[in-house]
Amino acid sequence: MINTLKEPPIFSVSEISTTLKNYVENTFSFVRVKGEISGLKIHTSGHVYFSLKDENSLIDGICWKGVASALSLKLQDGLEVVCSGRITTYPARSKYQIIVDKVDLAGVGALMKLLQERKEKLANEGLFSPQHKKPLPFLPKTIGVVTSPTGAVIRDILHRLNDRFPCSVILWPVAVQGPTAAEGIAHAIRGFNKFPNKPDLLIVARGGGSLEDLWCFNEEIVVRAVFDSKIPVISAVGHETDVTLIDFVADQRAPTPTAAAELSVPVKNDLMLFVQNSSLQLHHGLRRLLKEYSTRIDLLKRGLGNPQKIIDEKLLYLDEKIERFLRSFKSYIEQKNNTFLRLHQLLESYSYQNTLKRGFSLVKTPLGSLVTSSEQARSKDLLHLVFHDGTCQVKPLEE
């Protein structure tokens, strides 16, 4: 008896790959896989490539551009997620991967852990320090608003501003949810700061939502844009119980968008009433001050006496002084005049003309020099004798 063994069939590589591909794709046409994102890469085409891993294993994941742009959650390394999609193979490299159609957080706890780590990191850099907070303007002329152009948020802000104190509002429309929201919000904040005529105040706002919905306001790019803003920023994200990282870096946090509008401007009617009351208080204060000064002037006037009487007394005193001066001056002149006469008489008495009248004469040379001795006289050929009534010429006698 001959026993013949039947050999197993021989498959080509492509047959094995095709069989496995069909089996895997049919068996795992829809799966939900939980894991931590790692090795995230965004291709220039817009497709997203990453891996999902747990403690022991790893599976590649692909999120095509159209799906990635519609995700409500921004993918990043370290995020624990649940990816929904289908398992497929890549025969050219004997690989399998999950084609992702949807991404959900694995749990709020994981996202909260990421949020806390990011908060501590930014706080350590000083981005939340009170010393960097800028004061809000009392009465802004222009307010820039960064929010969605549709929905109740912008309507509530505009309505509240118009009720309190109408002012110019510039809306920079952005998406406030989804993977591109953070970049758009940061771009809007930086864009407002580049305006030639910058707004006096910025409001960054959106309505309430889940932690995932508000996640774009926890992104570093948004937090740093607010920190770098030269324009004061009010954050008004979510409801009063919602807290995002933008609340810690903003110059002022508002619990709601409506509250942000209330923080931005005063109530016009209240301000007008304040001005009116201040004007009345100023008016009454000035009246009291003028009355007080008038009373003080009256008291000083009483102590001063009658000005005309004082002037009359001073004029009388002046007249007396003038009269005394004139009398003293007259007496002084008379005294000096008498002294002058006495001196004149004395001078006259000592005058040589009077001496000549008594029979004396002066002897002079023809040139007018005085001759005082006989010896001088004999030395001259001609002498002049000066009498009180004239002059005559004589010749000296010869010895």
Protein backbone atom coordinates (compact mmCIF):
# COMPACT_ATOMS: atom_id res chain seq x y z
CA MET A 1 0.00 0.00 0.00
CA ILE A 2 1.47 3.37 -1.04
CA ASN A 3 0.67 6.43 1.18
CA THR A 4 0.91 9.69 -0.76
CA LEU A 5 1.19 13.05 1.24
CA LYS A 6 -0.47 16.10 -0.29
CA GLU A 7 1.77 19.20 -0.14
CA PRO A 8 0.26 22.56 0.92
CA PRO A 9 -0.43 25.07 -1.84
CA ILE A 10 2.13 27.72 -2.71
CA PHE A 11 0.97 31.38 -2.53
CA SER A 12 2.60 34.37 -4.07
CA VAL A 13 3.48 37.33 -1.85
CA SER A 14 0.70 39.39 -3.45
CA GLU A 15 -1.85 36.61 -2.81
CA ILE A 16 -0.93 36.50 0.88
CA SER A 17 -0.98 40.31 1.14
CA THR A 18 -4.34 40.54 -0.63
CA THR A 19 -5.87 37.79 1.49
CA LEU A 20 -4.67 39.40 4.71
CA LYS A 21 -5.81 42.84 3.55
CA ASN A 22 -9.32 41.56 2.75
CA TYR A 23 -9.55 39.69 6.02
CA VAL A 24 -8.31 42.59 8.15
CA GLU A 25 -10.44 45.22 6.44
CA ASN A 26 -13.57 43.03 6.55
CA THR A 27 -13.01 42.01 10.15
CA PHE A 28 -12.03 45.45 11.43
CA SER A 29 -14.14 47.66 9.18
CA PHE A 30 -14.99 49.80 12.17
CA VAL A 31 -12.97 49.93 15.39
CA ARG A 32 -12.35 52.28 18.28
CA VAL A 33 -8.78 52.24 19.52
CA LYS A 34 -7.60 53.90 22.72
CA GLY A 35 -3.99 55.05 23.06
CA GLU A 36 -1.54 57.90 23.47
CA ILE A 37 -0.55 59.95 20.42
CA SER A 38 3.16 59.98 19.64
CA GLY A 39 5.34 60.94 16.68
CA LEU A 40 2.74 63.36 15.31
CA LYS A 41 3.59 64.71 11.84
CA ILE A 42 1.57 67.02 9.63
CA HIS A 43 2.47 66.57 5.98
CA THR A 44 2.56 69.52 3.59
CA SER A 45 -0.45 67.94 1.92
CA GLY A 46 -2.42 68.39 5.13
CA HIS A 47 -2.58 64.69 5.99
CA VAL A 48 -1.71 63.82 9.59
CA TYR A 49 0.47 60.83 10.51
CA PHE A 50 1.00 59.55 14.05
CA SER A 51 1.15 56.45 16.22
CA LEU A 52 -1.15 55.20 18.98
CA LYS A 53 0.65 53.43 21.79
CA ASP A 54 0.01 51.86 25.15
CA GLU A 55 2.34 50.15 27.59
CA ASN A 56 3.17 47.24 25.25
CA SER A 57 2.16 47.96 21.67
CA LEU A 58 1.93 50.56 18.95
CA ILE A 59 -0.20 51.04 15.85
CA ASP A 60 0.21 53.63 13.10
CA GLY A 61 -2.60 56.02 12.37
CA ILE A 62 -3.49 58.19 9.41
CA CYS A 63 -5.95 61.10 9.37
CA TRP A 64 -6.62 62.43 5.90
CA LYS A 65 -6.65 66.18 5.32
CA GLY A 66 -10.44 66.53 5.03
CA VAL A 67 -11.02 64.69 8.28
CA ALA A 68 -8.16 66.43 10.14
CA SER A 69 -9.46 69.91 9.30
CA ALA A 70 -12.89 69.03 10.69
CA LEU A 71 -11.70 67.61 14.01
CA SER A 72 -12.86 69.52 17.09
CA LEU A 73 -9.69 68.53 18.93
CA LYS A 74 -6.17 69.59 18.01
CA LEU A 75 -3.95 66.51 17.86
CA GLN A 76 -0.66 66.63 19.73
CA ASP A 77 1.87 64.29 21.25
CA GLY A 78 1.06 62.94 24.68
CA LEU A 79 -2.70 63.29 24.28
CA GLU A 80 -4.67 60.18 25.23
CA VAL A 81 -7.47 59.68 22.71
CA VAL A 82 -9.95 57.21 21.29
CA CYS A 83 -9.64 57.01 17.51
CA SER A 84 -12.58 55.70 15.50
CA GLY A 85 -11.98 54.30 12.04
CA ARG A 86 -10.99 51.18 10.14
CA ILE A 87 -7.94 48.96 10.08
CA THR A 88 -6.22 48.55 6.76
CA THR A 89 -2.96 47.14 5.55
CA TYR A 90 -0.19 48.47 3.40
CA PRO A 91 0.98 45.42 1.37
CA ALA A 92 4.08 47.13 -0.02
CA ARG A 93 5.60 47.15 3.47
CA SER A 94 3.58 44.49 5.28
CA LYS A 95 2.19 47.12 7.63
CA TYR A 96 -1.20 47.75 9.10
CA GLN A 97 -2.66 50.99 10.36
CA ILE A 98 -5.88 52.65 11.40
CA ILE A 99 -7.48 55.14 9.04
CA VAL A 100 -8.96 57.65 11.50
CA ASP A 101 -12.39 59.17 10.88
CA LYS A 102 -12.98 60.61 14.35
CA VAL A 103 -10.92 61.46 17.45
CA ASP A 104 -12.27 61.80 20.97
CA LEU A 105 -10.52 62.36 24.23
CA ALA A 106 -9.94 59.20 26.19
CA GLY A 107 -11.18 61.06 29.25
CA VAL A 108 -11.39 64.51 30.78
CA GLY A 109 -8.78 63.45 33.30
CA ALA A 110 -6.12 63.13 30.64
CA LEU A 111 -6.93 66.54 29.20
CA MET A 112 -6.97 68.09 32.66
CA LYS A 113 -3.55 66.62 33.32
CA LEU A 114 -2.25 68.18 30.11
CA LEU A 115 -3.90 71.47 31.01
CA GLN A 116 -2.33 71.52 34.47
CA GLU A 117 1.13 70.76 33.09
CA ARG A 118 0.82 73.56 30.55
CA LYS A 119 -0.48 75.98 33.17
CA GLU A 120 2.49 75.28 35.45
CA LYS A 121 4.91 75.69 32.56
CA LEU A 122 3.53 79.07 31.48
CA ALA A 123 3.24 80.27 35.08
CA ASN A 124 6.90 79.45 35.68
CA GLU A 125 7.76 81.60 32.66
CA GLY A 126 5.98 84.53 34.33
CA LEU A 127 3.16 84.88 31.79
CA PHE A 128 0.52 85.02 34.55
CA SER A 129 2.39 87.46 36.80
CA PRO A 130 0.27 90.42 38.02
CA GLN A 131 3.08 92.85 37.25
CA HIS A 132 2.42 92.34 33.53
CA LYS A 133 -1.27 93.27 33.78
CA LYS A 134 -2.20 96.47 31.96
CA PRO A 135 -4.95 98.78 33.26
CA LEU A 136 -8.12 98.99 31.20
CA PRO A 137 -8.90 102.38 29.62
CA PHE A 138 -11.69 104.27 31.37
CA LEU A 139 -13.52 105.26 28.22
CA PRO A 140 -12.22 103.47 25.07
CA LYS A 141 -13.05 105.06 21.74
CA THR A 142 -12.57 101.82 19.80
CA ILE A 143 -12.91 98.21 20.98
CA GLY A 144 -11.61 95.24 19.01
CA VAL A 145 -13.57 92.00 19.39
CA VAL A 146 -12.14 88.58 18.52
CA THR A 147 -14.95 86.04 18.23
CA SER A 148 -17.21 84.20 15.83
CA PRO A 149 -19.15 86.50 13.48
CA THR A 150 -22.29 84.40 14.03
CA GLY A 151 -24.04 83.45 17.22
CA ALA A 152 -25.19 85.26 20.33
CA VAL A 153 -21.77 86.36 21.62
CA ILE A 154 -21.14 89.29 19.27
CA ARG A 155 -24.79 90.33 19.45
CA ASP A 156 -24.71 90.35 23.25
CA ILE A 157 -21.52 92.41 23.31
CA LEU A 158 -22.82 94.99 20.81
CA HIS A 159 -26.19 95.21 22.55
CA ARG A 160 -24.61 95.76 25.97
CA LEU A 161 -22.17 98.36 24.66
CA ASN A 162 -24.99 100.29 23.00
CA ASP A 163 -26.98 100.23 26.23
CA ARG A 164 -24.10 101.50 28.36
CA PHE A 165 -21.94 103.77 26.21
CA PRO A 166 -21.94 103.40 22.41
CA CYS A 167 -18.49 103.30 20.86
CA SER A 168 -16.75 102.06 17.73
CA VAL A 169 -16.39 98.25 17.53
CA ILE A 170 -14.14 96.36 15.12
CA LEU A 171 -14.91 92.64 14.76
CA TRP A 172 -12.17 90.24 13.71
CA PRO A 173 -14.13 87.09 12.80
CA VAL A 174 -12.50 83.80 13.82
CA ALA A 175 -13.41 80.20 14.43
CA VAL A 176 -13.69 79.61 18.18
CA GLN A 177 -13.60 75.81 18.02
CA GLY A 178 -11.67 73.23 16.05
CA PRO A 179 -8.07 72.54 15.09
CA THR A 180 -7.51 75.86 13.28
CA ALA A 181 -9.19 78.04 15.91
CA ALA A 182 -6.08 78.68 18.03
CA GLU A 183 -4.02 79.93 15.08
CA GLY A 184 -6.87 82.17 13.95
CA ILE A 185 -7.39 83.71 17.39
CA ALA A 186 -3.68 84.35 17.88
CA HIS A 187 -3.45 85.87 14.38
CA ALA A 188 -6.36 88.20 15.17
CA ILE A 189 -4.80 89.44 18.42
CA ARG A 190 -1.47 90.11 16.73
CA GLY A 191 -3.24 91.68 13.77
CA PHE A 192 -5.05 94.20 15.97
CA ASN A 193 -1.71 95.16 17.55
CA LYS A 194 -0.32 95.96 14.08
CA PHE A 195 -3.08 98.44 13.23
CA PRO A 196 -1.79 102.02 12.65
CA ASN A 197 -4.69 103.25 14.80
CA LYS A 198 -4.90 100.47 17.36
CA PRO A 199 -8.11 99.80 19.29
CA ASP A 200 -8.00 100.97 22.90
CA LEU A 201 -9.18 97.58 24.17
CA LEU A 202 -9.55 93.97 22.97
CA ILE A 203 -12.22 91.45 23.94
CA VAL A 204 -11.59 87.77 23.18
CA ALA A 205 -14.88 85.93 23.61
CA ARG A 206 -16.98 82.85 22.94
CA GLY A 207 -19.96 81.13 24.52
CA GLY A 208 -19.93 78.19 26.87
CA GLY A 209 -18.98 74.64 25.99
CA SER A 210 -17.18 71.55 27.13
CA LEU A 211 -13.51 71.42 27.97
CA GLU A 212 -12.85 70.07 24.49
CA ASP A 213 -14.89 72.87 22.89
CA LEU A 214 -12.93 75.55 24.74
CA TRP A 215 -9.54 73.88 24.29
CA CYS A 216 -8.28 76.33 21.67
CA PHE A 217 -8.16 78.99 24.41
CA ASN A 218 -5.71 76.79 26.31
CA GLU A 219 -3.25 76.61 23.43
CA GLU A 220 0.15 78.23 23.97
CA ILE A 221 -0.05 80.23 20.76
CA VAL A 222 -3.15 82.03 22.05
CA VAL A 223 -1.78 82.56 25.56
CA ARG A 224 1.47 84.03 24.23
CA ALA A 225 -0.36 86.28 21.77
CA VAL A 226 -2.36 87.77 24.67
CA PHE A 227 0.80 88.18 26.76
CA ASP A 228 2.58 89.99 23.90
CA SER A 229 -0.37 92.30 23.20
CA LYS A 230 0.31 96.00 23.77
CA ILE A 231 -3.44 96.53 23.88
CA PRO A 232 -5.23 95.58 27.13
CA VAL A 233 -7.18 92.34 26.73
CA ILE A 234 -10.37 91.13 28.41
CA SER A 235 -11.01 87.38 28.22
CA ALA A 236 -14.65 86.36 28.10
CA VAL A 237 -14.64 82.65 27.30
CA GLY A 238 -17.47 80.35 28.29
CA HIS A 239 -19.64 80.72 31.35
CA GLU A 240 -18.64 81.88 34.82
CA THR A 241 -17.53 78.40 35.87
CA ASP A 242 -15.41 77.84 32.75
CA VAL A 243 -11.72 78.61 33.21
CA THR A 244 -9.13 78.56 30.42
CA LEU A 245 -5.48 79.57 30.34
CA ILE A 246 -6.31 82.79 28.51
CA ASP A 247 -8.11 83.91 31.68
CA PHE A 248 -4.83 83.85 33.62
CA VAL A 249 -2.82 85.86 31.10
CA ALA A 250 -5.49 88.41 30.14
CA ASP A 251 -5.44 91.83 31.80
CA GLN A 252 -8.99 91.27 33.01
CA ARG A 253 -11.25 88.21 33.08
CA ALA A 254 -14.98 88.54 32.52
CA PRO A 255 -17.31 85.68 33.51
CA THR A 256 -19.39 86.15 30.33
CA PRO A 257 -19.19 88.12 27.07
CA THR A 258 -21.93 90.43 28.38
CA ALA A 259 -19.88 91.08 31.50
CA ALA A 260 -16.90 91.88 29.28
CA ALA A 261 -18.91 94.66 27.64
CA GLU A 262 -19.86 95.97 31.09
CA LEU A 263 -16.19 96.02 32.12
CA SER A 264 -15.23 97.86 28.92
CA VAL A 265 -17.27 101.05 29.25
CA PRO A 266 -19.11 102.94 32.00
CA VAL A 267 -22.84 103.67 31.86
CA LYS A 268 -23.27 106.89 29.89
CA ASN A 269 -26.28 108.08 31.91
CA ASP A 270 -24.48 107.38 35.19
CA LEU A 271 -21.45 109.25 33.90
CA MET A 272 -23.57 112.23 32.84
CA LEU A 273 -25.28 112.23 36.25
CA PHE A 274 -21.89 112.11 37.94
CA VAL A 275 -20.70 115.08 35.86
CA GLN A 276 -23.86 117.03 36.70
CA ASN A 277 -23.53 116.28 40.40
CA SER A 278 -19.86 117.18 40.33
CA SER A 279 -20.70 120.44 38.55
CA LEU A 280 -23.30 121.30 41.20
CA GLN A 281 -20.88 120.44 43.99
CA LEU A 282 -18.23 122.60 42.36
CA HIS A 283 -20.69 125.47 41.99
CA HIS A 284 -21.80 125.26 45.61
CA GLY A 285 -18.23 124.89 46.76
CA LEU A 286 -17.18 128.03 44.87
CA ARG A 287 -20.07 129.98 46.34
CA ARG A 288 -19.11 128.92 49.86
CA LEU A 289 -15.50 129.80 49.17
CA LEU A 290 -16.38 133.24 47.80
CA LYS A 291 -18.63 133.92 50.80
CA GLU A 292 -15.85 132.87 53.16
CA TYR A 293 -13.34 135.16 51.45
CA SER A 294 -15.86 138.01 51.45
CA THR A 295 -16.28 137.62 55.20
CA ARG A 296 -12.54 137.59 55.70
CA ILE A 297 -12.19 140.75 53.60
CA ASP A 298 -14.85 142.50 55.72
CA LEU A 299 -12.96 141.54 58.89
CA LEU A 300 -9.70 142.80 57.44
CA LYS A 301 -11.42 145.97 56.30
CA ARG A 302 -12.63 146.67 59.81
CA GLY A 303 -9.17 146.22 61.22
CA LEU A 304 -7.66 148.34 58.48
CA GLY A 305 -9.87 151.38 59.06
CA ASN A 306 -11.11 154.00 56.60
CA PRO A 307 -8.64 154.16 53.70
CA GLN A 308 -9.55 157.77 52.86
CA LYS A 309 -9.00 158.84 56.42
CA ILE A 310 -5.64 157.12 56.46
CA ILE A 311 -4.69 158.82 53.19
CA ASP A 312 -5.79 162.25 54.49
CA GLU A 313 -3.69 161.81 57.62
CA LYS A 314 -0.68 160.82 55.57
CA LEU A 315 -1.19 163.81 53.27
CA LEU A 316 -1.34 166.16 56.29
CA TYR A 317 1.80 164.57 57.68
CA LEU A 318 3.50 165.04 54.31
CA ASP A 319 2.49 168.72 54.14
CA GLU A 320 3.96 169.32 57.57
CA LYS A 321 7.20 167.63 56.57
CA ILE A 322 7.41 169.72 53.40
CA GLU A 323 6.77 172.95 55.31
CA ARG A 324 9.42 172.06 57.89
CA PHE A 325 11.81 171.20 55.11
CA LEU A 326 11.22 174.47 53.33
CA ARG A 327 11.76 176.45 56.55
CA SER A 328 14.93 174.54 57.31
CA PHE A 329 16.14 175.04 53.76
CA LYS A 330 15.48 178.76 53.87
CA SER A 331 17.35 179.10 57.13
CA TYR A 332 20.21 177.09 55.73
CA ILE A 333 20.42 179.33 52.65
CA GLU A 334 20.39 182.48 54.77
CA GLN A 335 23.15 181.10 56.96
CA LYS A 336 25.30 180.23 54.01
CA ASN A 337 24.64 183.61 52.41
CA ASN A 338 25.80 185.46 55.55
CA THR A 339 28.91 183.33 55.66
CA PHE A 340 29.57 184.14 52.02
CA LEU A 341 29.24 187.88 52.67
CA ARG A 342 31.63 187.75 55.56
CA LEU A 343 34.16 185.89 53.52
CA HIS A 344 33.68 188.32 50.66
CA GLN A 345 34.31 191.27 52.92
CA LEU A 346 37.38 189.61 54.36
CA LEU A 347 38.63 188.88 50.88
CA GLU A 348 38.03 192.47 49.88
CA SER A 349 39.95 193.66 52.89
CA TYR A 350 42.90 191.54 51.90
CA SER A 351 42.70 192.56 48.23
CA TYR A 352 45.90 194.19 46.80
CA GLN A 353 43.77 196.82 45.00
CA ASN A 354 42.80 198.30 48.38
CA THR A 355 46.46 198.29 49.34
CA LEU A 356 47.33 200.22 46.15
CA LYS A 357 44.71 202.83 47.08
CA ARG A 358 46.63 203.52 50.25
CA GLY A 359 49.66 204.73 48.17
CA PHE A 360 51.40 201.54 47.36
CA SER A 361 52.32 200.30 43.85
CA LEU A 362 53.52 197.16 42.14
CA VAL A 363 56.74 196.98 40.11
CA LYS A 364 56.64 194.69 37.10
CA THR A 365 58.76 194.00 34.08
CA PRO A 366 57.38 194.77 30.63
CA LEU A 367 56.53 191.09 30.36
CA GLY A 368 54.45 191.24 33.54
CA SER A 369 56.82 189.56 35.97
CA LEU A 370 56.78 190.97 39.49
CA VAL A 371 59.96 192.76 40.62
CA THR A 372 60.56 192.27 44.34
CA SER A 373 64.06 193.73 44.93
CA SER A 374 66.20 196.72 43.96
CA GLU A 375 68.77 194.47 42.49
CA GLN A 376 66.14 193.07 40.09
CA ALA A 377 65.01 196.62 39.29
CA ARG A 378 68.53 197.85 38.41
CA SER A 379 68.97 194.94 36.04
CA LYS A 380 66.06 196.10 33.90
CA ASP A 381 66.03 198.82 31.30
CA LEU A 382 62.38 199.60 31.77
CA LEU A 383 59.94 198.99 34.62
CA HIS A 384 56.17 199.28 34.89
CA LEU A 385 54.67 200.80 38.01
CA VAL A 386 51.14 199.62 38.70
CA PHE A 387 48.91 202.04 40.72
CA HIS A 388 45.32 201.59 41.75
CA ASP A 389 44.20 203.79 38.89
CA GLY A 390 46.68 202.85 36.14
CA THR A 391 50.23 202.01 35.02
CA CYS A 392 53.24 204.08 34.10
CA GLN A 393 56.75 203.26 32.77
CA VAL A 394 59.95 204.28 34.50
CA LYS A 395 63.67 203.73 34.06
CA PRO A 396 65.73 202.62 36.98
CA LEU A 397 68.42 205.13 38.24
CA GLU A 398 71.99 204.35 37.56
CA GLU A 399 74.37 204.33 40.46
